[in-house]
Amino acid sequence: MIREHFQFRQTITTILADRQVDIEAAKVGMLDARQAVESVIASDPFFLSTFDPYDPGYDHPVIRRMVDAAYEADVGPMAAVAGTIAWAGAESMKKAGADLGVVDNGGDIALFSDRDLRIGIYAGTGSRNAFQLPPQEMIIGICTSSASIGPSISFGLADAVTVFSKDVSAADAWATALCNQLSPDDRSAFDSLMATHVIGVLALFGEVMISYGSVPEIIPAHVNPALITKGI
Protein backbone atom coordinates (compact mmCIF):
# COMPACT_ATOMS: atom_id res chain seq x y z
CA MET A 1 0.00 0.00 0.00
CA ILE A 2 1.26 3.49 -0.90
CA ARG A 3 0.76 6.37 1.53
CA GLU A 4 1.40 9.88 0.20
CA HIS A 5 1.01 13.32 1.70
CA PHE A 6 -0.48 15.87 -0.68
CA GLN A 7 -0.90 19.53 0.19
CA PHE A 8 -2.21 22.38 -1.93
CA ARG A 9 -3.04 25.64 -0.16
CA GLN A 10 -5.60 24.84 2.56
CA THR A 11 -6.13 21.29 1.31
CA ILE A 12 -3.88 19.02 3.40
CA THR A 13 -4.38 15.34 2.71
CA THR A 14 -3.10 11.83 3.08
CA ILE A 15 -3.85 9.49 0.17
CA LEU A 16 -3.71 5.69 0.38
CA ALA A 17 -3.72 3.46 -2.71
CA ASP A 18 -2.14 0.37 -4.22
CA ARG A 19 -0.86 2.15 -7.34
CA GLN A 20 0.82 5.49 -7.93
CA VAL A 21 -1.53 6.16 -10.84
CA ASP A 22 -4.43 6.12 -8.36
CA ILE A 23 -2.62 8.60 -6.13
CA GLU A 24 -2.22 10.93 -9.09
CA ALA A 25 -5.88 10.50 -10.02
CA ALA A 26 -6.89 11.57 -6.50
CA LYS A 27 -4.80 14.73 -6.82
CA VAL A 28 -6.45 15.64 -10.12
CA GLY A 29 -9.92 15.10 -8.69
CA MET A 30 -9.23 17.24 -5.64
CA LEU A 31 -7.65 20.05 -7.62
CA ASP A 32 -10.62 20.13 -9.99
CA ALA A 33 -12.97 20.34 -7.01
CA ARG A 34 -10.89 23.11 -5.44
CA GLN A 35 -11.01 25.07 -8.68
CA ALA A 36 -14.82 24.95 -8.65
CA VAL A 37 -14.95 26.15 -5.04
CA GLU A 38 -12.41 28.92 -5.63
CA SER A 39 -14.36 30.14 -8.67
CA VAL A 40 -17.53 30.52 -6.63
CA ILE A 41 -15.72 32.28 -3.78
CA ALA A 42 -14.07 34.71 -6.20
CA SER A 43 -17.42 35.81 -7.60
CA ASP A 44 -19.49 35.45 -4.40
CA PRO A 45 -17.42 35.84 -1.20
CA PHE A 46 -20.53 35.31 0.94
CA PHE A 47 -20.29 31.62 0.02
CA LEU A 48 -17.04 31.49 2.00
CA SER A 49 -18.13 33.39 5.10
CA THR A 50 -21.72 32.44 5.88
CA PHE A 51 -22.56 30.02 8.70
CA ASP A 52 -26.06 29.53 7.30
CA PRO A 53 -27.26 27.46 4.34
CA TYR A 54 -26.78 29.37 1.12
CA ASP A 55 -27.16 28.64 -2.57
CA PRO A 56 -25.02 30.82 -4.88
CA GLY A 57 -26.83 29.44 -7.91
CA TYR A 58 -23.91 27.58 -9.50
CA ASP A 59 -24.87 24.41 -11.39
CA HIS A 60 -21.68 22.49 -10.69
CA PRO A 61 -21.68 19.02 -9.05
CA VAL A 62 -19.13 19.98 -6.39
CA ILE A 63 -21.02 23.14 -5.43
CA ARG A 64 -24.39 21.36 -5.49
CA ARG A 65 -23.07 18.75 -3.06
CA MET A 66 -21.88 21.42 -0.64
CA VAL A 67 -25.11 23.40 -0.92
CA ASP A 68 -27.36 20.36 -0.48
CA ALA A 69 -25.38 19.16 2.54
CA ALA A 70 -25.51 22.63 4.09
CA TYR A 71 -29.29 22.81 3.81
CA GLU A 72 -29.70 19.30 5.23
CA ALA A 73 -27.50 19.99 8.28
CA ASP A 74 -28.40 23.70 8.64
CA VAL A 75 -24.82 24.98 8.38
CA GLY A 76 -22.85 27.09 5.93
CA PRO A 77 -21.74 25.38 2.70
CA MET A 78 -18.05 25.65 3.58
CA ALA A 79 -18.72 23.26 6.48
CA ALA A 80 -18.82 20.58 3.79
CA VAL A 81 -15.81 21.67 1.73
CA ALA A 82 -13.16 19.26 3.07
CA GLY A 83 -15.37 16.21 2.75
CA THR A 84 -16.53 17.27 -0.70
CA ILE A 85 -12.96 17.67 -1.96
CA ALA A 86 -12.00 14.30 -0.46
CA TRP A 87 -15.04 12.77 -2.19
CA ALA A 88 -13.91 14.15 -5.55
CA GLY A 89 -10.48 12.63 -5.01
CA ALA A 90 -11.90 9.21 -4.14
CA GLU A 91 -14.26 9.28 -7.12
CA SER A 92 -11.34 10.04 -9.43
CA MET A 93 -9.45 7.07 -8.00
CA LYS A 94 -12.41 4.77 -8.53
CA LYS A 95 -12.78 5.94 -12.15
CA ALA A 96 -9.09 5.14 -12.64
CA GLY A 97 -9.83 1.52 -11.70
CA ALA A 98 -8.55 1.47 -8.12
CA ASP A 99 -9.66 -1.28 -5.74
CA LEU A 100 -8.55 0.77 -2.74
CA GLY A 101 -8.84 4.50 -2.35
CA VAL A 102 -8.56 6.55 0.84
CA VAL A 103 -8.43 10.34 0.88
CA ASP A 104 -8.03 11.87 4.34
CA ASN A 105 -8.53 15.62 4.07
CA GLY A 106 -7.63 16.74 7.58
CA GLY A 107 -9.88 14.22 9.31
CA ASP A 108 -12.61 14.24 6.67
CA ILE A 109 -12.23 10.93 4.88
CA ALA A 110 -13.68 9.51 1.67
CA LEU A 111 -12.82 5.88 1.01
CA PHE A 112 -13.62 2.63 -0.72
CA SER A 113 -11.78 -0.63 -0.22
CA ASP A 114 -11.68 -4.31 -1.13
CA ARG A 115 -10.29 -5.20 2.31
CA ASP A 116 -10.74 -4.46 6.01
CA LEU A 117 -9.38 -1.12 7.17
CA ARG A 118 -8.74 0.34 10.59
CA ILE A 119 -9.47 4.04 11.05
CA GLY A 120 -7.85 5.47 14.17
CA ILE A 121 -9.96 7.47 16.61
CA TYR A 122 -8.18 10.65 17.66
CA ALA A 123 -9.56 13.22 20.08
CA GLY A 124 -6.41 15.00 21.21
CA THR A 125 -5.26 12.35 23.65
CA GLY A 126 -3.37 9.10 23.34
CA SER A 127 -6.16 7.13 21.70
CA ARG A 128 -5.97 3.35 21.86
CA ASN A 129 -9.03 2.65 19.71
CA ALA A 130 -9.92 2.42 16.05
CA PHE A 131 -12.92 1.72 13.87
CA GLN A 132 -12.75 -1.72 12.24
CA LEU A 133 -14.22 -1.05 8.82
CA PRO A 134 -15.24 -3.97 6.58
CA PRO A 135 -14.73 -3.79 2.80
CA GLN A 136 -16.63 -0.93 1.19
CA GLU A 137 -17.44 -1.32 -2.51
CA MET A 138 -19.07 2.10 -2.67
CA ILE A 139 -17.46 5.33 -1.46
CA ILE A 140 -18.28 6.17 2.16
CA GLY A 141 -17.62 9.33 4.15
CA ILE A 142 -16.10 9.28 7.64
CA CYS A 143 -15.89 12.92 8.72
CA THR A 144 -14.87 14.36 12.07
CA SER A 145 -15.29 17.76 13.69
CA SER A 146 -13.80 18.89 16.99
CA ALA A 147 -14.33 21.80 19.34
CA SER A 148 -10.91 21.28 20.94
CA ILE A 149 -8.54 20.21 18.12
CA GLY A 150 -7.61 21.72 14.79
CA PRO A 151 -8.37 24.97 12.95
CA SER A 152 -12.08 24.47 12.21
CA ILE A 153 -14.58 26.88 13.76
CA SER A 154 -16.81 25.14 16.30
CA PHE A 155 -19.35 26.41 18.82
CA GLY A 156 -19.60 23.12 20.70
CA LEU A 157 -18.02 21.04 23.44
CA ALA A 158 -17.07 17.73 21.84
CA ASP A 159 -13.49 16.57 21.52
CA ALA A 160 -14.57 14.70 18.39
CA VAL A 161 -17.78 13.96 16.51
CA THR A 162 -17.40 11.41 13.71
CA VAL A 163 -20.20 10.94 11.19
CA PHE A 164 -20.59 8.03 8.77
CA SER A 165 -22.52 8.53 5.52
CA LYS A 166 -22.53 7.42 1.88
CA ASP A 167 -22.84 11.15 1.10
CA VAL A 168 -19.40 12.46 2.07
CA SER A 169 -20.48 16.11 1.87
CA ALA A 170 -23.35 15.38 4.25
CA ALA A 171 -21.02 13.55 6.64
CA ASP A 172 -18.80 16.64 6.80
CA ALA A 173 -21.68 19.09 7.24
CA TRP A 174 -23.35 16.97 9.93
CA ALA A 175 -20.07 16.53 11.80
CA THR A 176 -19.91 20.31 12.12
CA ALA A 177 -23.57 20.67 13.05
CA LEU A 178 -23.55 17.91 15.66
CA CYS A 179 -20.27 19.08 17.17
CA ASN A 180 -21.92 22.48 17.65
CA GLN A 181 -24.96 21.01 19.41
CA LEU A 182 -24.21 17.78 21.26
CA SER A 183 -23.24 17.44 24.90
CA PRO A 184 -22.94 14.36 27.14
CA ASP A 185 -26.27 15.27 28.74
CA ASP A 186 -28.12 16.50 25.66
CA ARG A 187 -28.46 14.20 22.67
CA SER A 188 -31.51 15.93 21.22
CA ALA A 189 -29.52 16.89 18.11
CA PHE A 190 -29.70 13.23 17.08
CA ASP A 191 -33.44 13.77 16.53
CA SER A 192 -32.58 15.81 13.44
CA LEU A 193 -30.94 12.82 11.76
CA MET A 194 -34.10 10.97 10.87
CA ALA A 195 -34.55 10.75 7.07
CA THR A 196 -31.02 12.11 6.40
CA HIS A 197 -27.97 10.57 4.76
CA VAL A 198 -26.34 9.82 8.14
CA ILE A 199 -25.65 6.15 8.90
CA GLY A 200 -24.05 6.55 12.32
CA VAL A 201 -22.34 8.97 14.71
CA LEU A 202 -19.77 8.64 17.46
CA ALA A 203 -19.17 11.62 19.77
CA LEU A 204 -16.39 11.86 22.36
CA PHE A 205 -16.33 14.16 25.39
CA GLY A 206 -13.18 13.26 27.30
CA GLU A 207 -13.80 9.69 28.46
CA VAL A 208 -17.53 9.88 27.69
CA MET A 209 -18.67 8.28 24.44
CA ILE A 210 -22.15 8.55 22.90
CA SER A 211 -23.39 7.18 19.61
CA TYR A 212 -26.26 7.12 17.15
CA GLY A 213 -27.27 4.68 14.43
CA SER A 214 -24.86 2.13 12.99
CA VAL A 215 -21.19 2.65 13.90
CA PRO A 216 -18.40 0.23 12.91
CA GLU A 217 -16.92 -2.01 15.57
CA ILE A 218 -14.47 -0.20 17.85
CA ILE A 219 -11.34 -2.22 18.56
CA PRO A 220 -8.15 -1.68 20.59
CA ALA A 221 -5.39 -0.21 18.43
CA HIS A 222 -2.19 1.78 18.65
CA VAL A 223 -2.88 5.10 16.93
CA ASN A 224 0.42 6.52 15.71
CA PRO A 225 0.23 10.35 15.93
CA ALA A 226 2.74 10.57 13.06
CA LEU A 227 0.05 9.22 10.71
CA ILE A 228 -2.41 12.02 11.49
CA THR A 229 -2.88 14.28 8.48
CA LYS A 230 -1.39 17.71 9.10
CA GLY A 231 0.52 20.42 7.29
CA ILE A 232 4.25 20.23 6.76
C-alpha atoms as a PDB file:
ATOM      1  CA  MET A   1       0.000   0.000   0.000  1.00  0.00           C
ATOM      2  CA  ILE A   2       1.256   3.493  -0.905  1.00  0.00           C
ATOM      3  CA  ARG A   3       0.764   6.368   1.528  1.00  0.00           C
ATOM      4  CA  GLU A   4       1.400   9.875   0.195  1.00  0.00           C
ATOM      5  CA  HIS A   5       1.009  13.320   1.701  1.00  0.00           C
ATOM      6  CA  PHE A   6      -0.478  15.867  -0.681  1.00  0.00           C
ATOM      7  CA  GLN A   7      -0.904  19.534   0.187  1.00  0.00           C
ATOM      8  CA  PHE A   8      -2.214  22.377  -1.930  1.00  0.00           C
ATOM      9  CA  ARG A   9      -3.038  25.641  -0.160  1.00  0.00           C
ATOM     10  CA  GLN A  10      -5.595  24.839   2.563  1.00  0.00           C
ATOM     11  CA  THR A  11      -6.126  21.286   1.311  1.00  0.00           C
ATOM     12  CA  ILE A  12      -3.882  19.021   3.404  1.00  0.00           C
ATOM     13  CA  THR A  13      -4.379  15.339   2.706  1.00  0.00           C
ATOM     14  CA  THR A  14      -3.100  11.831   3.085  1.00  0.00           C
ATOM     15  CA  ILE A  15      -3.850   9.492   0.170  1.00  0.00           C
ATOM     16  CA  LEU A  16      -3.709   5.689   0.377  1.00  0.00           C
ATOM     17  CA  ALA A  17      -3.720   3.464  -2.710  1.00  0.00           C
ATOM     18  CA  ASP A  18      -2.140   0.373  -4.217  1.00  0.00           C
ATOM     19  CA  ARG A  19      -0.864   2.152  -7.337  1.00  0.00           C
ATOM     20  CA  GLN A  20       0.820   5.486  -7.926  1.00  0.00           C
ATOM     21  CA  VAL A  21      -1.526   6.156 -10.841  1.00  0.00           C
ATOM     22  CA  ASP A  22      -4.427   6.115  -8.364  1.00  0.00           C
ATOM     23  CA  ILE A  23      -2.617   8.604  -6.125  1.00  0.00           C
ATOM     24  CA  GLU A  24      -2.221  10.925  -9.092  1.00  0.00           C
ATOM     25  CA  ALA A  25      -5.877  10.499 -10.015  1.00  0.00           C
ATOM     26  CA  ALA A  26      -6.887  11.575  -6.502  1.00  0.00           C
ATOM     27  CA  LYS A  27      -4.803  14.728  -6.815  1.00  0.00           C
ATOM     28  CA  VAL A  28      -6.450  15.644 -10.119  1.00  0.00           C
ATOM     29  CA  GLY A  29      -9.923  15.103  -8.685  1.00  0.00           C
ATOM     30  CA  MET A  30      -9.226  17.237  -5.637  1.00  0.00           C
ATOM     31  CA  LEU A  31      -7.653  20.054  -7.615  1.00  0.00           C
ATOM     32  CA  ASP A  32     -10.620  20.127  -9.990  1.00  0.00           C
ATOM     33  CA  ALA A  33     -12.970  20.341  -7.013  1.00  0.00           C
ATOM     34  CA  ARG A  34     -10.894  23.108  -5.442  1.00  0.00           C
ATOM     35  CA  GLN A  35     -11.013  25.068  -8.680  1.00  0.00           C
ATOM     36  CA  ALA A  36     -14.817  24.945  -8.652  1.00  0.00           C
ATOM     37  CA  VAL A  37     -14.954  26.151  -5.039  1.00  0.00           C
ATOM     38  CA  GLU A  38     -12.414  28.920  -5.629  1.00  0.00           C
ATOM     39  CA  SER A  39     -14.359  30.138  -8.673  1.00  0.00           C
ATOM     40  CA  VAL A  40     -17.528  30.519  -6.625  1.00  0.00           C
ATOM     41  CA  ILE A  41     -15.720  32.279  -3.779  1.00  0.00           C
ATOM     42  CA  ALA A  42     -14.070  34.710  -6.201  1.00  0.00           C
ATOM     43  CA  SER A  43     -17.425  35.806  -7.598  1.00  0.00           C
ATOM     44  CA  ASP A  44     -19.490  35.446  -4.405  1.00  0.00           C
ATOM     45  CA  PRO A  45     -17.421  35.843  -1.199  1.00  0.00           C
ATOM     46  CA  PHE A  46     -20.535  35.312   0.940  1.00  0.00           C
ATOM     47  CA  PHE A  47     -20.292  31.619   0.023  1.00  0.00           C
ATOM     48  CA  LEU A  48     -17.042  31.492   2.002  1.00  0.00           C
ATOM     49  CA  SER A  49     -18.125  33.390   5.099  1.00  0.00           C
ATOM     50  CA  THR A  50     -21.721  32.439   5.877  1.00  0.00           C
ATOM     51  CA  PHE A  51     -22.556  30.016   8.695  1.00  0.00           C
ATOM     52  CA  ASP A  52     -26.058  29.531   7.298  1.00  0.00           C
ATOM     53  CA  PRO A  53     -27.262  27.456   4.338  1.00  0.00           C
ATOM     54  CA  TYR A  54     -26.782  29.373   1.125  1.00  0.00           C
ATOM     55  CA  ASP A  55     -27.161  28.639  -2.574  1.00  0.00           C
ATOM     56  CA  PRO A  56     -25.021  30.820  -4.878  1.00  0.00           C
ATOM     57  CA  GLY A  57     -26.834  29.442  -7.913  1.00  0.00           C
ATOM     58  CA  TYR A  58     -23.910  27.575  -9.505  1.00  0.00           C
ATOM     59  CA  ASP A  59     -24.874  24.414 -11.390  1.00  0.00           C
ATOM     60  CA  HIS A  60     -21.678  22.487 -10.690  1.00  0.00           C
ATOM     61  CA  PRO A  61     -21.682  19.017  -9.048  1.00  0.00           C
ATOM     62  CA  VAL A  62     -19.130  19.980  -6.393  1.00  0.00           C
ATOM     63  CA  ILE A  63     -21.017  23.143  -5.425  1.00  0.00           C
ATOM     64  CA  ARG A  64     -24.389  21.358  -5.492  1.00  0.00           C
ATOM     65  CA  ARG A  65     -23.069  18.755  -3.056  1.00  0.00           C
ATOM     66  CA  MET A  66     -21.884  21.418  -0.643  1.00  0.00           C
ATOM     67  CA  VAL A  67     -25.114  23.398  -0.919  1.00  0.00           C
ATOM     68  CA  ASP A  68     -27.364  20.365  -0.481  1.00  0.00           C
ATOM     69  CA  ALA A  69     -25.382  19.159   2.539  1.00  0.00           C
ATOM     70  CA  ALA A  70     -25.510  22.627   4.091  1.00  0.00           C
ATOM     71  CA  TYR A  71     -29.288  22.806   3.810  1.00  0.00           C
ATOM     72  CA  GLU A  72     -29.697  19.302   5.225  1.00  0.00           C
ATOM     73  CA  ALA A  73     -27.497  19.995   8.277  1.00  0.00           C
ATOM     74  CA  ASP A  74     -28.396  23.703   8.642  1.00  0.00           C
ATOM     75  CA  VAL A  75     -24.816  24.982   8.383  1.00  0.00           C
ATOM     76  CA  GLY A  76     -22.846  27.094   5.928  1.00  0.00           C
ATOM     77  CA  PRO A  77     -21.745  25.383   2.703  1.00  0.00           C
ATOM     78  CA  MET A  78     -18.055  25.650   3.579  1.00  0.00           C
ATOM     79  CA  ALA A  79     -18.724  23.262   6.478  1.00  0.00           C
ATOM     80  CA  ALA A  80     -18.819  20.575   3.790  1.00  0.00           C
ATOM     81  CA  VAL A  81     -15.808  21.666   1.733  1.00  0.00           C
ATOM     82  CA  ALA A  82     -13.159  19.263   3.065  1.00  0.00           C
ATOM     83  CA  GLY A  83     -15.371  16.207   2.747  1.00  0.00           C
ATOM     84  CA  THR A  84     -16.532  17.272  -0.703  1.00  0.00           C
ATOM     85  CA  ILE A  85     -12.964  17.669  -1.958  1.00  0.00           C
ATOM     86  CA  ALA A  86     -11.996  14.300  -0.458  1.00  0.00           C
ATOM     87  CA  TRP A  87     -15.035  12.768  -2.187  1.00  0.00           C
ATOM     88  CA  ALA A  88     -13.912  14.154  -5.552  1.00  0.00           C
ATOM     89  CA  GLY A  89     -10.484  12.634  -5.014  1.00  0.00           C
ATOM     90  CA  ALA A  90     -11.896   9.212  -4.136  1.00  0.00           C
ATOM     91  CA  GLU A  91     -14.255   9.282  -7.117  1.00  0.00           C
ATOM     92  CA  SER A  92     -11.336  10.042  -9.426  1.00  0.00           C
ATOM     93  CA  MET A  93      -9.449   7.067  -7.998  1.00  0.00           C
ATOM     94  CA  LYS A  94     -12.413   4.769  -8.534  1.00  0.00           C
ATOM     95  CA  LYS A  95     -12.778   5.944 -12.149  1.00  0.00           C
ATOM     96  CA  ALA A  96      -9.090   5.141 -12.641  1.00  0.00           C
ATOM     97  CA  GLY A  97      -9.830   1.522 -11.705  1.00  0.00           C
ATOM     98  CA  ALA A  98      -8.554   1.473  -8.125  1.00  0.00           C
ATOM     99  CA  ASP A  99      -9.661  -1.283  -5.742  1.00  0.00           C
ATOM    100  CA  LEU A 100      -8.550   0.769  -2.740  1.00  0.00           C
ATOM    101  CA  GLY A 101      -8.840   4.502  -2.345  1.00  0.00           C
ATOM    102  CA  VAL A 102      -8.555   6.554   0.840  1.00  0.00           C
ATOM    103  CA  VAL A 103      -8.430  10.342   0.882  1.00  0.00           C
ATOM    104  CA  ASP A 104      -8.034  11.869   4.339  1.00  0.00           C
ATOM    105  CA  ASN A 105      -8.532  15.624   4.070  1.00  0.00           C
ATOM    106  CA  GLY A 106      -7.632  16.742   7.577  1.00  0.00           C
ATOM    107  CA  GLY A 107      -9.876  14.224   9.313  1.00  0.00           C
ATOM    108  CA  ASP A 108     -12.611  14.244   6.672  1.00  0.00           C
ATOM    109  CA  ILE A 109     -12.233  10.930   4.876  1.00  0.00           C
ATOM    110  CA  ALA A 110     -13.677   9.513   1.667  1.00  0.00           C
ATOM    111  CA  LEU A 111     -12.819   5.882   1.008  1.00  0.00           C
ATOM    112  CA  PHE A 112     -13.624   2.631  -0.716  1.00  0.00           C
ATOM    113  CA  SER A 113     -11.783  -0.631  -0.216  1.00  0.00           C
ATOM    114  CA  ASP A 114     -11.677  -4.308  -1.126  1.00  0.00           C
ATOM    115  CA  ARG A 115     -10.291  -5.196   2.315  1.00  0.00           C
ATOM    116  CA  ASP A 116     -10.745  -4.458   6.007  1.00  0.00           C
ATOM    117  CA  LEU A 117      -9.384  -1.121   7.173  1.00  0.00           C
ATOM    118  CA  ARG A 118      -8.740   0.340  10.593  1.00  0.00           C
ATOM    119  CA  ILE A 119      -9.472   4.044  11.049  1.00  0.00           C
ATOM    120  CA  GLY A 120      -7.851   5.472  14.169  1.00  0.00           C
ATOM    121  CA  ILE A 121      -9.963   7.472  16.606  1.00  0.00           C
ATOM    122  CA  TYR A 122      -8.180  10.653  17.664  1.00  0.00           C
ATOM    123  CA  ALA A 123      -9.558  13.220  20.080  1.00  0.00           C
ATOM    124  CA  GLY A 124      -6.409  15.003  21.209  1.00  0.00           C
ATOM    125  CA  THR A 125      -5.258  12.352  23.655  1.00  0.00           C
ATOM    126  CA  GLY A 126      -3.370   9.101  23.342  1.00  0.00           C
ATOM    127  CA  SER A 127      -6.162   7.128  21.700  1.00  0.00           C
ATOM    128  CA  ARG A 128      -5.967   3.351  21.855  1.00  0.00           C
ATOM    129  CA  ASN A 129      -9.030   2.647  19.714  1.00  0.00           C
ATOM    130  CA  ALA A 130      -9.924   2.422  16.053  1.00  0.00           C
ATOM    131  CA  PHE A 131     -12.920   1.717  13.872  1.00  0.00           C
ATOM    132  CA  GLN A 132     -12.752  -1.719  12.243  1.00  0.00           C
ATOM    133  CA  LEU A 133     -14.220  -1.049   8.818  1.00  0.00           C
ATOM    134  CA  PRO A 134     -15.244  -3.968   6.579  1.00  0.00           C
ATOM    135  CA  PRO A 135     -14.726  -3.793   2.798  1.00  0.00           C
ATOM    136  CA  GLN A 136     -16.632  -0.931   1.186  1.00  0.00           C
ATOM    137  CA  GLU A 137     -17.440  -1.321  -2.512  1.00  0.00           C
ATOM    138  CA  MET A 138     -19.070   2.101  -2.670  1.00  0.00           C
ATOM    139  CA  ILE A 139     -17.464   5.329  -1.463  1.00  0.00           C
ATOM    140  CA  ILE A 140     -18.275   6.174   2.156  1.00  0.00           C
ATOM    141  CA  GLY A 141     -17.620   9.332   4.151  1.00  0.00           C
ATOM    142  CA  ILE A 142     -16.098   9.284   7.638  1.00  0.00           C
ATOM    143  CA  CYS A 143     -15.890  12.915   8.717  1.00  0.00           C
ATOM    144  CA  THR A 144     -14.869  14.365  12.066  1.00  0.00           C
ATOM    145  CA  SER A 145     -15.291  17.756  13.695  1.00  0.00           C
ATOM    146  CA  SER A 146     -13.799  18.892  16.985  1.00  0.00           C
ATOM    147  CA  ALA A 147     -14.327  21.804  19.337  1.00  0.00           C
ATOM    148  CA  SER A 148     -10.912  21.283  20.937  1.00  0.00           C
ATOM    149  CA  ILE A 149      -8.544  20.210  18.122  1.00  0.00           C
ATOM    150  CA  GLY A 150      -7.614  21.723  14.787  1.00  0.00           C
ATOM    151  CA  PRO A 151      -8.374  24.971  12.953  1.00  0.00           C
ATOM    152  CA  SER A 152     -12.076  24.471  12.214  1.00  0.00           C
ATOM    153  CA  ILE A 153     -14.575  26.882  13.757  1.00  0.00           C
ATOM    154  CA  SER A 154     -16.811  25.135  16.295  1.00  0.00           C
ATOM    155  CA  PHE A 155     -19.348  26.411  18.824  1.00  0.00           C
ATOM    156  CA  GLY A 156     -19.604  23.124  20.705  1.00  0.00           C
ATOM    157  CA  LEU A 157     -18.018  21.037  23.442  1.00  0.00           C
ATOM    158  CA  ALA A 158     -17.071  17.734  21.836  1.00  0.00           C
ATOM    159  CA  ASP A 159     -13.491  16.575  21.519  1.00  0.00           C
ATOM    160  CA  ALA A 160     -14.568  14.695  18.392  1.00  0.00           C
ATOM    161  CA  VAL A 161     -17.776  13.962  16.511  1.00  0.00           C
ATOM    162  CA  THR A 162     -17.401  11.415  13.714  1.00  0.00           C
ATOM    163  CA  VAL A 163     -20.202  10.943  11.187  1.00  0.00           C
ATOM    164  CA  PHE A 164     -20.593   8.032   8.765  1.00  0.00           C
ATOM    165  CA  SER A 165     -22.515   8.525   5.524  1.00  0.00           C
ATOM    166  CA  LYS A 166     -22.529   7.425   1.882  1.00  0.00           C
ATOM    167  CA  ASP A 167     -22.843  11.146   1.099  1.00  0.00           C
ATOM    168  CA  VAL A 168     -19.398  12.461   2.073  1.00  0.00           C
ATOM    169  CA  SER A 169     -20.476  16.107   1.874  1.00  0.00           C
ATOM    170  CA  ALA A 170     -23.353  15.385   4.254  1.00  0.00           C
ATOM    171  CA  ALA A 171     -21.016  13.549   6.638  1.00  0.00           C
ATOM    172  CA  ASP A 172     -18.798  16.642   6.803  1.00  0.00           C
ATOM    173  CA  ALA A 173     -21.675  19.089   7.241  1.00  0.00           C
ATOM    174  CA  TRP A 174     -23.353  16.970   9.926  1.00  0.00           C
ATOM    175  CA  ALA A 175     -20.069  16.527  11.798  1.00  0.00           C
ATOM    176  CA  THR A 176     -19.909  20.314  12.125  1.00  0.00           C
ATOM    177  CA  ALA A 177     -23.574  20.673  13.049  1.00  0.00           C
ATOM    178  CA  LEU A 178     -23.549  17.910  15.656  1.00  0.00           C
ATOM    179  CA  CYS A 179     -20.272  19.078  17.170  1.00  0.00           C
ATOM    180  CA  ASN A 180     -21.917  22.476  17.654  1.00  0.00           C
ATOM    181  CA  GLN A 181     -24.964  21.012  19.412  1.00  0.00           C
ATOM    182  CA  LEU A 182     -24.213  17.778  21.260  1.00  0.00           C
ATOM    183  CA  SER A 183     -23.241  17.436  24.899  1.00  0.00           C
ATOM    184  CA  PRO A 184     -22.943  14.363  27.138  1.00  0.00           C
ATOM    185  CA  ASP A 185     -26.271  15.269  28.741  1.00  0.00           C
ATOM    186  CA  ASP A 186     -28.116  16.497  25.655  1.00  0.00           C
ATOM    187  CA  ARG A 187     -28.462  14.199  22.671  1.00  0.00           C
ATOM    188  CA  SER A 188     -31.507  15.932  21.220  1.00  0.00           C
ATOM    189  CA  ALA A 189     -29.515  16.888  18.110  1.00  0.00           C
ATOM    190  CA  PHE A 190     -29.702  13.234  17.079  1.00  0.00           C
ATOM    191  CA  ASP A 191     -33.443  13.769  16.535  1.00  0.00           C
ATOM    192  CA  SER A 192     -32.581  15.813  13.440  1.00  0.00           C
ATOM    193  CA  LEU A 193     -30.936  12.825  11.762  1.00  0.00           C
ATOM    194  CA  MET A 194     -34.097  10.968  10.868  1.00  0.00           C
ATOM    195  CA  ALA A 195     -34.553  10.748   7.070  1.00  0.00           C
ATOM    196  CA  THR A 196     -31.023  12.110   6.404  1.00  0.00           C
ATOM    197  CA  HIS A 197     -27.973  10.567   4.759  1.00  0.00           C
ATOM    198  CA  VAL A 198     -26.343   9.822   8.135  1.00  0.00           C
ATOM    199  CA  ILE A 199     -25.652   6.149   8.897  1.00  0.00           C
ATOM    200  CA  GLY A 200     -24.050   6.548  12.316  1.00  0.00           C
ATOM    201  CA  VAL A 201     -22.342   8.966  14.706  1.00  0.00           C
ATOM    202  CA  LEU A 202     -19.766   8.639  17.462  1.00  0.00           C
ATOM    203  CA  ALA A 203     -19.171  11.616  19.770  1.00  0.00           C
ATOM    204  CA  LEU A 204     -16.393  11.865  22.365  1.00  0.00           C
ATOM    205  CA  PHE A 205     -16.327  14.158  25.388  1.00  0.00           C
ATOM    206  CA  GLY A 206     -13.184  13.262  27.296  1.00  0.00           C
ATOM    207  CA  GLU A 207     -13.799   9.692  28.462  1.00  0.00           C
ATOM    208  CA  VAL A 208     -17.532   9.880  27.694  1.00  0.00           C
ATOM    209  CA  MET A 209     -18.671   8.276  24.436  1.00  0.00           C
ATOM    210  CA  ILE A 210     -22.150   8.551  22.895  1.00  0.00           C
ATOM    211  CA  SER A 211     -23.395   7.179  19.608  1.00  0.00           C
ATOM    212  CA  TYR A 212     -26.263   7.123  17.150  1.00  0.00           C
ATOM    213  CA  GLY A 213     -27.270   4.678  14.426  1.00  0.00           C
ATOM    214  CA  SER A 214     -24.856   2.126  12.990  1.00  0.00           C
ATOM    215  CA  VAL A 215     -21.193   2.651  13.896  1.00  0.00           C
ATOM    216  CA  PRO A 216     -18.399   0.227  12.908  1.00  0.00           C
ATOM    217  CA  GLU A 217     -16.916  -2.005  15.566  1.00  0.00           C
ATOM    218  CA  ILE A 218     -14.468  -0.198  17.848  1.00  0.00           C
ATOM    219  CA  ILE A 219     -11.340  -2.225  18.563  1.00  0.00           C
ATOM    220  CA  PRO A 220      -8.152  -1.683  20.595  1.00  0.00           C
ATOM    221  CA  ALA A 221      -5.387  -0.207  18.434  1.00  0.00           C
ATOM    222  CA  HIS A 222      -2.194   1.780  18.652  1.00  0.00           C
ATOM    223  CA  VAL A 223      -2.876   5.099  16.926  1.00  0.00           C
ATOM    224  CA  ASN A 224       0.419   6.523  15.713  1.00  0.00           C
ATOM    225  CA  PRO A 225       0.230  10.347  15.931  1.00  0.00           C
ATOM    226  CA  ALA A 226       2.736  10.566  13.063  1.00  0.00           C
ATOM    227  CA  LEU A 227       0.050   9.220  10.714  1.00  0.00           C
ATOM    228  CA  ILE A 228      -2.406  12.017  11.488  1.00  0.00           C
ATOM    229  CA  THR A 229      -2.877  14.282   8.482  1.00  0.00           C
ATOM    230  CA  LYS A 230      -1.388  17.712   9.103  1.00  0.00           C
ATOM    231  CA  GLY A 231       0.518  20.417   7.289  1.00  0.00           C
ATOM    232  CA  ILE A 232       4.250  20.226   6.759  1.00  0.00           C
END
